[in-house]
C-alpha cells in the first residue's frame, strides 16, 4: 500500500510538471525561440550617422584584449566614433597592452584612463563605467556603446546597432553576445545559461511597449546618451551587481524603449574551461537575482526540482515500478523540455543529443544557486574581478 501511495503521489507531481512545461512552451513569451535578432533597420544616410563613444571597463583583461580590442578599433562606422577603455586598477598591464594594441592596429581613436578605487556604495565595474561616460560627454555623443573587455565585434557591429536604434526609436539596444563553447563544461553549461536567462526574461516581451519585462546583456548595450543622463546612469544603479538588468529596468521604468536579442557576430572570447570557472560565474550573482531572499531561494529550488528534475525521475521510477501513467507523464515532460532546448543548442552549433541532458545541467544550476546564497550569508558576498560586494542590490522583478 505504501509503495502504491508513493507511485500515485509521483504521478500527480509528474502531471504538475508536465502542465508547467506546457505553460512554458506556450505562455512564457515563446522564450525558447532563437529568432529574436536585430530588428529591421535602415542606414541614416551619408553625413547623418550620429557620433558614438564606446566605453570599455577593464580590470585584469590582458589575456583577452588581443582578441577583442582590435575588433572595436577596426569598426567600419561612417560617423564619428571613439573608444574609451577604463583600466580599473589592473595588475596585469591591461592599460599598457591596450595602448600597444592601438598603436599596432590603428583604427578608431583610443583613450586609456583610470578612475582610481571606487568609493563606498559603488561596484568597481560601474565606477569604471561612470568614469568612461564622464570622459565621453566631452565629445557630445548621441549614443554610448557599453561593452565588456572580452567582447569581440564584427566590423559592422556598431553601425548595425546604431541603425537599429535609430530605425526603431530605441533608447537602448542590447545584444546577448554568443559565449564561448569549446570545453566539455562550456558545452553543457553555457547554452543552458542563455536558455535560462531567456526563460526568466523573454526577449519578445522586453521590446514590447507596455510590458514590465526589462533586461539587457551587459556585454553589448547601445544606450542613447540623453537617456543615460535623464535616467542618471550609472549613478542610479551604482550598487548593482547584476548591472545590465538594473540598467534596463531603470531605462524602461523611466519610459524608455528598449530591445534585447541574440547576437549573430558579437562574441565573448572569455574561456570558461573548467566547471569551477563556470560555477563562480553563476554563483557570483545568482542569489542577488533572488533579491537575497531565503523564501525566494526556497521557492526557486522547489521550482527547479519540479520543472527540471521530476520528469526524468518520474520516467525512470515509473518504468521500474510498472506505473505507465507515471512513466508517460514524466517522459512527455522531458520530451517537451528537450524540444524547447534544441533551438538554443542549434544557435550554439551544438549536437542535439545534449538536449536530454538539460536536467543534469539544471541540477548544477540549482547547486550553484544554493552555493551563492551560502556565500552571501557567510559574508563573502558577490565578486567582480577580485572585489567583493556584500551589500544587497535591488533586482528587477519579472513581469
Protein backbone atom coordinates (compact mmCIF):
# COMPACT_ATOMS: atom_id res chain seq x y z
CA UNK A 1 0.00 0.00 0.00
CA UNK A 2 2.81 2.42 0.88
CA UNK A 3 4.56 1.77 -2.41
CA UNK A 4 1.35 2.39 -4.35
CA UNK A 5 0.77 5.66 -2.49
CA UNK A 6 4.27 6.84 -3.34
CA UNK A 7 3.76 5.99 -7.01
CA UNK A 8 0.38 7.76 -7.06
CA UNK A 9 1.94 10.85 -5.49
CA UNK A 10 4.68 10.82 -8.13
CA UNK A 11 2.01 10.53 -10.85
CA UNK A 12 0.37 13.71 -9.59
CA UNK A 13 3.69 15.52 -9.29
CA UNK A 14 4.58 14.41 -12.83
CA UNK A 15 1.26 15.76 -14.09
CA UNK A 16 2.01 19.14 -12.49
CA UNK A 17 5.48 19.13 -14.05
CA UNK A 18 4.04 18.39 -17.49
CA UNK A 19 1.44 21.15 -17.05
CA UNK A 20 4.25 23.54 -16.13
CA UNK A 21 6.14 22.64 -19.29
CA UNK A 22 3.07 23.10 -21.49
CA UNK A 23 2.62 26.55 -19.97
CA UNK A 24 6.31 27.38 -20.51
CA UNK A 25 6.04 26.17 -24.10
CA UNK A 26 3.07 28.37 -24.99
CA UNK A 27 2.66 31.02 -22.29
CA UNK A 28 6.12 32.37 -21.46
CA UNK A 29 6.68 34.62 -24.46
CA UNK A 30 7.98 31.77 -26.65
CA UNK A 31 11.26 32.19 -24.75
CA UNK A 32 12.73 29.08 -26.37
CA UNK A 33 12.78 30.56 -29.87
CA UNK A 34 16.10 31.97 -31.03
CA UNK A 35 14.92 34.16 -33.90
CA UNK A 36 14.94 37.45 -31.95
CA UNK A 37 17.82 39.14 -33.76
CA UNK A 38 18.46 42.81 -34.58
CA UNK A 39 15.14 44.35 -35.68
CA UNK A 40 14.58 45.82 -39.16
CA UNK A 41 16.86 48.81 -39.73
CA UNK A 42 17.97 51.27 -42.37
CA UNK A 43 21.09 53.37 -42.63
CA UNK A 44 20.74 57.03 -41.59
CA UNK A 45 22.45 58.01 -44.84
CA UNK A 46 25.68 59.86 -45.67
CA UNK A 47 26.50 62.58 -43.18
CA UNK A 48 23.67 61.58 -40.86
CA UNK A 49 25.43 58.97 -38.75
CA UNK A 50 25.41 60.20 -35.12
CA UNK A 51 28.59 60.43 -33.01
CA UNK A 52 29.21 57.43 -30.74
CA UNK A 53 31.53 56.82 -27.80
CA UNK A 54 32.46 53.29 -26.80
CA UNK A 55 33.09 52.71 -23.07
CA UNK A 56 35.01 49.57 -22.06
CA UNK A 57 35.51 48.86 -18.33
CA UNK A 58 38.56 46.58 -17.97
CA UNK A 59 40.15 45.01 -14.92
CA UNK A 60 42.94 42.47 -15.45
CA UNK A 61 41.90 41.72 -19.04
CA UNK A 62 45.33 41.35 -20.69
CA UNK A 63 44.55 37.73 -21.59
CA UNK A 64 41.51 38.59 -23.73
CA UNK A 65 42.25 42.10 -25.04
CA UNK A 66 44.28 40.94 -28.08
CA UNK A 67 41.19 39.06 -29.32
CA UNK A 68 38.64 41.78 -28.50
CA UNK A 69 40.02 45.32 -28.54
CA UNK A 70 41.28 45.26 -32.18
CA UNK A 71 37.72 44.39 -33.28
CA UNK A 72 36.44 47.59 -31.65
CA UNK A 73 39.19 49.76 -33.08
CA UNK A 74 38.52 48.33 -36.54
CA UNK A 75 34.83 49.26 -36.60
CA UNK A 76 33.64 50.33 -40.04
CA UNK A 77 31.49 53.21 -38.80
CA UNK A 78 30.64 56.08 -41.19
CA UNK A 79 30.23 58.64 -38.40
CA UNK A 80 32.48 59.91 -35.63
CA UNK A 81 33.37 57.26 -33.05
CA UNK A 82 35.91 56.94 -30.26
CA UNK A 83 36.83 54.24 -27.76
CA UNK A 84 37.41 54.87 -24.03
CA UNK A 85 38.99 51.96 -22.19
CA UNK A 86 38.87 52.42 -18.41
CA UNK A 87 41.66 50.48 -16.70
CA UNK A 88 40.07 49.70 -13.35
CA UNK A 89 43.10 49.04 -11.14
CA UNK A 90 44.55 46.22 -13.25
CA UNK A 91 47.70 44.48 -12.12
CA UNK A 92 48.44 42.64 -15.38
CA UNK A 93 49.30 45.58 -17.64
CA UNK A 94 45.84 45.90 -19.21
CA UNK A 95 46.19 49.65 -19.87
CA UNK A 96 49.67 49.37 -21.34
CA UNK A 97 48.62 46.49 -23.60
CA UNK A 98 45.59 48.45 -24.79
CA UNK A 99 47.83 51.35 -25.88
CA UNK A 100 50.18 48.97 -27.65
CA UNK A 101 47.31 47.31 -29.50
CA UNK A 102 46.00 50.70 -30.57
CA UNK A 103 49.40 51.70 -31.98
CA UNK A 104 49.67 48.43 -33.86
CA UNK A 105 46.11 48.23 -35.18
CA UNK A 106 45.13 51.87 -35.68
CA UNK A 107 41.50 52.50 -36.47
CA UNK A 108 39.24 54.38 -34.07
CA UNK A 109 40.89 56.74 -31.56
CA UNK A 110 41.54 55.13 -28.17
CA UNK A 111 41.77 56.83 -24.79
CA UNK A 112 43.01 54.76 -21.85
CA UNK A 113 42.28 56.14 -18.40
CA UNK A 114 41.96 55.00 -14.78
CA UNK A 115 39.39 56.19 -12.23
CA UNK A 116 41.14 55.04 -9.06
CA UNK A 117 39.49 52.89 -6.41
CA UNK A 118 35.68 53.10 -6.21
CA UNK A 119 34.20 54.98 -3.27
CA UNK A 120 31.84 53.23 -0.82
CA UNK A 121 28.50 52.36 -2.37
CA UNK A 122 29.83 51.67 -5.87
CA UNK A 123 30.68 48.40 -7.58
CA UNK A 124 34.04 48.61 -9.31
CA UNK A 125 32.67 47.98 -12.79
CA UNK A 126 30.03 50.70 -12.58
CA UNK A 127 32.57 53.15 -11.14
CA UNK A 128 34.70 52.45 -14.21
CA UNK A 129 31.67 52.91 -16.48
CA UNK A 130 30.89 56.22 -14.79
CA UNK A 131 34.45 57.44 -15.41
CA UNK A 132 34.25 56.41 -19.06
CA UNK A 133 30.92 58.16 -19.57
CA UNK A 134 32.26 61.33 -17.96
CA UNK A 135 35.17 61.33 -20.44
CA UNK A 136 32.81 60.62 -23.33
CA UNK A 137 30.47 63.52 -22.53
CA UNK A 138 33.12 65.99 -23.64
CA UNK A 139 32.68 64.56 -27.17
CA UNK A 140 28.89 65.12 -27.04
CA UNK A 141 27.94 61.68 -28.40
CA UNK A 142 24.39 60.80 -29.32
CA UNK A 143 24.97 57.18 -28.32
CA UNK A 144 27.14 55.30 -25.85
CA UNK A 145 28.19 51.72 -26.55
CA UNK A 146 28.85 49.97 -23.24
CA UNK A 147 30.76 46.79 -23.97
CA UNK A 148 32.88 44.44 -21.90
CA UNK A 149 36.58 43.87 -22.49
CA UNK A 150 36.05 40.25 -23.53
CA UNK A 151 33.59 41.04 -26.34
CA UNK A 152 34.72 40.82 -29.97
CA UNK A 153 32.63 42.72 -32.52
CA UNK A 154 32.21 42.16 -36.24
CA UNK A 155 33.43 45.16 -38.32
CA UNK A 156 29.86 46.38 -38.92
CA UNK A 157 28.62 45.80 -35.36
CA UNK A 158 28.49 49.45 -34.33
CA UNK A 159 26.78 50.67 -37.48
CA UNK A 160 24.18 47.88 -37.26
CA UNK A 161 23.41 48.73 -33.64
CA UNK A 162 23.07 52.43 -34.38
CA UNK A 163 20.91 51.78 -37.44
CA UNK A 164 18.62 49.52 -35.38
CA UNK A 165 18.33 52.09 -32.57
CA UNK A 166 17.62 54.94 -34.98
CA UNK A 167 15.11 53.00 -37.08
CA UNK A 168 13.18 51.55 -34.14
CA UNK A 169 13.37 54.61 -31.92
CA UNK A 170 15.02 52.59 -29.15
CA UNK A 171 16.69 54.19 -26.16
CA UNK A 172 18.74 51.04 -25.55
CA UNK A 173 19.60 48.20 -27.91
CA UNK A 174 21.40 45.23 -26.40
CA UNK A 175 22.80 42.03 -27.89
CA UNK A 176 23.38 38.83 -25.94
CA UNK A 177 26.88 38.01 -27.13
CA UNK A 178 27.50 34.44 -28.23
CA UNK A 179 29.52 32.94 -25.39
CA UNK A 180 32.42 30.57 -25.97
CA UNK A 181 31.59 26.85 -26.16
CA UNK A 182 34.77 24.85 -26.60
CA UNK A 183 35.36 22.73 -23.49
CA UNK A 184 33.05 19.94 -22.33
CA UNK A 185 31.75 22.01 -19.42
CA UNK A 186 31.12 25.02 -21.65
CA UNK A 187 29.04 22.83 -23.95
CA UNK A 188 26.98 21.56 -21.03
CA UNK A 189 26.52 24.82 -19.13
CA UNK A 190 26.79 27.84 -21.45
CA UNK A 191 23.82 27.27 -23.82
CA UNK A 192 21.69 26.48 -20.76
CA UNK A 193 22.78 29.75 -19.14
CA UNK A 194 21.33 31.75 -22.04
CA UNK A 195 18.28 29.45 -22.20
CA UNK A 196 17.50 30.05 -18.51
CA UNK A 197 18.04 33.80 -18.91
CA UNK A 198 15.59 33.91 -21.82
CA UNK A 199 13.11 31.87 -19.79
CA UNK A 200 13.26 34.43 -16.99
CA UNK A 201 13.28 37.45 -19.34
CA UNK A 202 11.56 36.51 -22.62
CA UNK A 203 13.16 38.65 -25.30
CA UNK A 204 9.91 39.31 -27.14
CA UNK A 205 8.39 40.93 -24.07
CA UNK A 206 11.41 43.15 -23.44
CA UNK A 207 10.99 45.04 -26.70
CA UNK A 208 7.23 45.45 -26.28
CA UNK A 209 5.99 48.82 -25.10
CA UNK A 210 3.81 48.47 -22.03
CA UNK A 211 5.48 45.27 -20.89
CA UNK A 212 7.15 45.30 -17.48
CA UNK A 213 9.83 42.81 -18.53
CA UNK A 214 13.20 44.55 -18.71
CA UNK A 215 16.66 43.11 -19.24
CA UNK A 216 19.85 43.75 -21.16
CA UNK A 217 23.12 41.93 -21.80
CA UNK A 218 25.93 43.93 -20.25
CA UNK A 219 28.49 42.84 -22.80
CA UNK A 220 26.88 44.91 -25.55
CA UNK A 221 24.48 47.77 -24.80
CA UNK A 222 23.99 50.74 -27.12
CA UNK A 223 22.45 53.48 -24.98
CA UNK A 224 21.20 56.88 -26.04
CA UNK A 225 23.37 59.42 -24.19
CA UNK A 226 20.40 61.68 -23.45
CA UNK A 227 18.57 58.72 -21.92
CA UNK A 228 21.60 57.87 -19.78
CA UNK A 229 21.69 61.41 -18.43
CA UNK A 230 17.96 61.55 -17.78
CA UNK A 231 17.98 58.17 -16.02
CA UNK A 232 21.14 59.04 -14.05
CA UNK A 233 23.05 56.04 -15.34
CA UNK A 234 25.19 54.69 -13.83
CA UNK A 235 24.65 56.65 -10.58
CA UNK A 236 21.12 55.27 -10.18
CA UNK A 237 22.38 51.67 -10.26
CA UNK A 238 25.79 52.17 -8.64
CA UNK A 239 25.33 49.25 -6.17
CA UNK A 240 24.02 46.77 -8.73
CA UNK A 241 25.88 43.50 -9.15
CA UNK A 242 23.53 42.49 -11.99
CA UNK A 243 24.15 45.84 -13.64
CA UNK A 244 22.75 45.03 -17.09
CA UNK A 245 19.29 44.09 -15.83
CA UNK A 246 19.31 47.04 -13.43
CA UNK A 247 20.20 49.38 -16.31
CA UNK A 248 17.37 48.04 -18.46
CA UNK A 249 14.85 48.34 -15.65
CA UNK A 250 15.90 51.94 -14.96
CA UNK A 251 15.63 52.95 -18.61
CA UNK A 252 12.31 51.20 -19.18
CA UNK A 253 10.92 52.38 -15.85
CA UNK A 254 11.56 55.94 -16.99
CA UNK A 255 9.53 55.45 -20.15
CA UNK A 256 12.39 54.39 -22.40
CA UNK A 257 12.02 51.90 -25.24
CA UNK A 258 14.48 49.01 -25.01
CA UNK A 259 15.31 45.92 -27.05
CA UNK A 260 17.31 42.75 -26.39
CA UNK A 261 18.10 39.88 -28.73
CA UNK A 262 20.66 37.27 -29.64
CA UNK A 263 23.81 38.30 -31.47
CA UNK A 264 24.99 36.90 -34.78
CA UNK A 265 28.52 38.33 -34.85
CA UNK A 266 29.18 39.67 -31.37
CA UNK A 267 31.12 37.05 -29.41
CA UNK A 268 32.63 36.64 -25.97
CA UNK A 269 36.22 35.42 -26.13
CA UNK A 270 36.48 34.70 -22.41
CA UNK A 271 37.17 31.00 -21.75
CA UNK A 272 35.49 29.00 -19.00
CA UNK A 273 37.33 25.70 -19.48
CA UNK A 274 36.60 24.17 -16.07
CA UNK A 275 33.41 23.64 -14.12
CA UNK A 276 34.82 25.80 -11.32
CA UNK A 277 35.15 28.77 -13.70
CA UNK A 278 31.50 28.49 -14.73
CA UNK A 279 30.42 27.83 -11.15
CA UNK A 280 31.97 31.09 -9.97
CA UNK A 281 30.40 33.00 -12.87
CA UNK A 282 26.89 31.83 -11.94
CA UNK A 283 27.31 31.90 -8.15
CA UNK A 284 28.57 35.50 -8.33
CA UNK A 285 25.08 36.87 -8.95
CA UNK A 286 22.55 34.04 -8.58
CA UNK A 287 21.44 34.97 -5.06
CA UNK A 288 21.33 38.67 -5.97
CA UNK A 289 18.91 37.68 -8.75
CA UNK A 290 16.68 36.26 -6.00
CA UNK A 291 16.83 39.57 -4.09
CA UNK A 292 18.82 37.83 -1.31
CA UNK A 293 15.57 36.31 -0.02
CA UNK A 294 15.66 32.88 1.68
CA UNK A 295 11.97 32.39 0.83
CA UNK A 296 12.54 33.15 -2.85
CA UNK A 297 15.54 30.81 -2.79
CA UNK A 298 13.39 28.03 -1.32
CA UNK A 299 10.74 28.59 -3.98
CA UNK A 300 13.36 28.64 -6.73
CA UNK A 301 14.90 25.36 -5.57
CA UNK A 302 11.46 23.74 -5.40
CA UNK A 303 10.55 25.12 -8.82
CA UNK A 304 13.76 23.91 -10.46
CA UNK A 305 13.27 20.47 -8.95
CA UNK A 306 9.65 20.26 -10.09
CA UNK A 307 10.26 21.51 -13.61
CA UNK A 308 13.65 20.01 -14.45
CA UNK A 309 14.35 17.09 -12.11
CA UNK A 310 10.93 15.45 -11.74
CA UNK A 311 10.49 14.42 -15.43
CA UNK A 312 13.50 12.04 -15.68
CA UNK A 313 12.91 10.75 -12.13
CA UNK A 314 9.24 10.05 -12.95
CA UNK A 315 10.12 8.30 -16.20
CA UNK A 316 12.68 6.04 -14.54
CA UNK A 317 10.64 5.42 -11.38
CA UNK A 318 7.52 4.70 -13.40
CA UNK A 319 9.36 2.21 -15.58
CA UNK A 320 10.83 0.45 -12.53
CA UNK A 321 7.53 0.40 -10.61
CA UNK A 322 5.45 -0.56 -13.61
CA UNK A 323 3.40 2.66 -13.49
CA UNK A 324 2.59 3.51 -17.10
CA UNK A 325 0.97 6.81 -16.15
CA UNK A 326 3.98 7.98 -14.21
CA UNK A 327 6.43 6.99 -16.94
CA UNK A 328 4.34 8.55 -19.72
CA UNK A 329 3.82 11.85 -17.89
CA UNK A 330 7.49 12.09 -16.97
CA UNK A 331 8.57 11.14 -20.47
CA UNK A 332 6.29 13.72 -22.10
CA UNK A 333 7.52 16.48 -19.79
CA UNK A 334 11.14 15.51 -20.51
CA UNK A 335 10.38 15.49 -24.25
CA UNK A 336 8.87 19.00 -24.15
CA UNK A 337 11.83 20.20 -22.10
CA UNK A 338 14.36 18.79 -24.57
CA UNK A 339 12.38 20.13 -27.52
CA UNK A 340 12.43 23.69 -26.18
CA UNK A 341 16.19 23.44 -25.62
CA UNK A 342 17.01 22.32 -29.17
CA UNK A 343 16.81 25.82 -30.77
CA UNK A 344 19.39 27.16 -28.30
CA UNK A 345 21.69 24.21 -28.98
CA UNK A 346 21.37 24.88 -32.71
CA UNK A 347 22.19 28.55 -32.13
CA UNK A 348 25.35 27.48 -30.31
CA UNK A 349 26.10 24.87 -33.01
CA UNK A 350 25.95 22.02 -30.52
CA UNK A 351 24.75 18.44 -31.13
CA UNK A 352 21.08 17.67 -30.35
CA UNK A 353 21.99 14.78 -28.05
CA UNK A 354 22.83 17.39 -25.40
CA UNK A 355 19.13 18.31 -25.11
CA UNK A 356 18.12 15.36 -22.87
CA UNK A 357 20.98 16.29 -20.51
CA UNK A 358 19.28 19.57 -19.55
CA UNK A 359 18.00 18.11 -16.21
CA UNK A 360 21.61 17.37 -15.23
CA UNK A 361 22.66 20.93 -16.10
CA UNK A 362 19.65 22.34 -14.24
CA UNK A 363 20.73 20.35 -11.21
CA UNK A 364 24.14 22.01 -11.42
CA UNK A 365 22.49 25.44 -11.58
CA UNK A 366 20.39 24.56 -8.55
CA UNK A 367 23.55 23.75 -6.59
CA UNK A 368 25.27 26.92 -7.85
CA UNK A 369 22.31 29.00 -6.68
CA UNK A 370 22.37 27.42 -3.24
CA UNK A 371 26.13 27.98 -3.06
CA UNK A 372 25.60 31.63 -4.00
CA UNK A 373 23.23 32.00 -1.03
CA UNK A 374 25.67 30.24 1.30
CA UNK A 375 28.47 32.58 0.19
CA UNK A 376 26.27 35.59 0.82
CA UNK A 377 25.21 34.54 4.30
CA UNK A 378 28.80 33.75 5.21
CA UNK A 379 29.61 37.36 4.41
CA UNK A 380 31.61 36.63 1.28
CA UNK A 381 29.18 38.50 -0.99
CA UNK A 382 29.26 38.83 -4.75
CA UNK A 383 32.57 39.42 -6.51
CA UNK A 384 33.77 41.08 -9.69
CA UNK A 385 37.42 40.85 -10.69
CA UNK A 386 38.81 40.36 -7.22
CA UNK A 387 36.42 42.72 -5.41
CA UNK A 388 33.70 41.53 -3.05
CA UNK A 389 30.38 43.34 -2.57
CA UNK A 390 28.34 42.24 0.41
CA UNK A 391 25.50 44.75 0.19
CA UNK A 392 22.28 43.54 -1.43
CA UNK A 393 21.03 45.19 -4.57
CA UNK A 394 17.56 45.82 -5.88
CA UNK A 395 16.93 43.32 -8.66
CA UNK A 396 14.17 43.76 -11.25
CA UNK A 397 11.09 41.66 -10.91
CA UNK A 398 9.80 39.67 -13.85
CA UNK A 399 6.65 40.92 -15.47
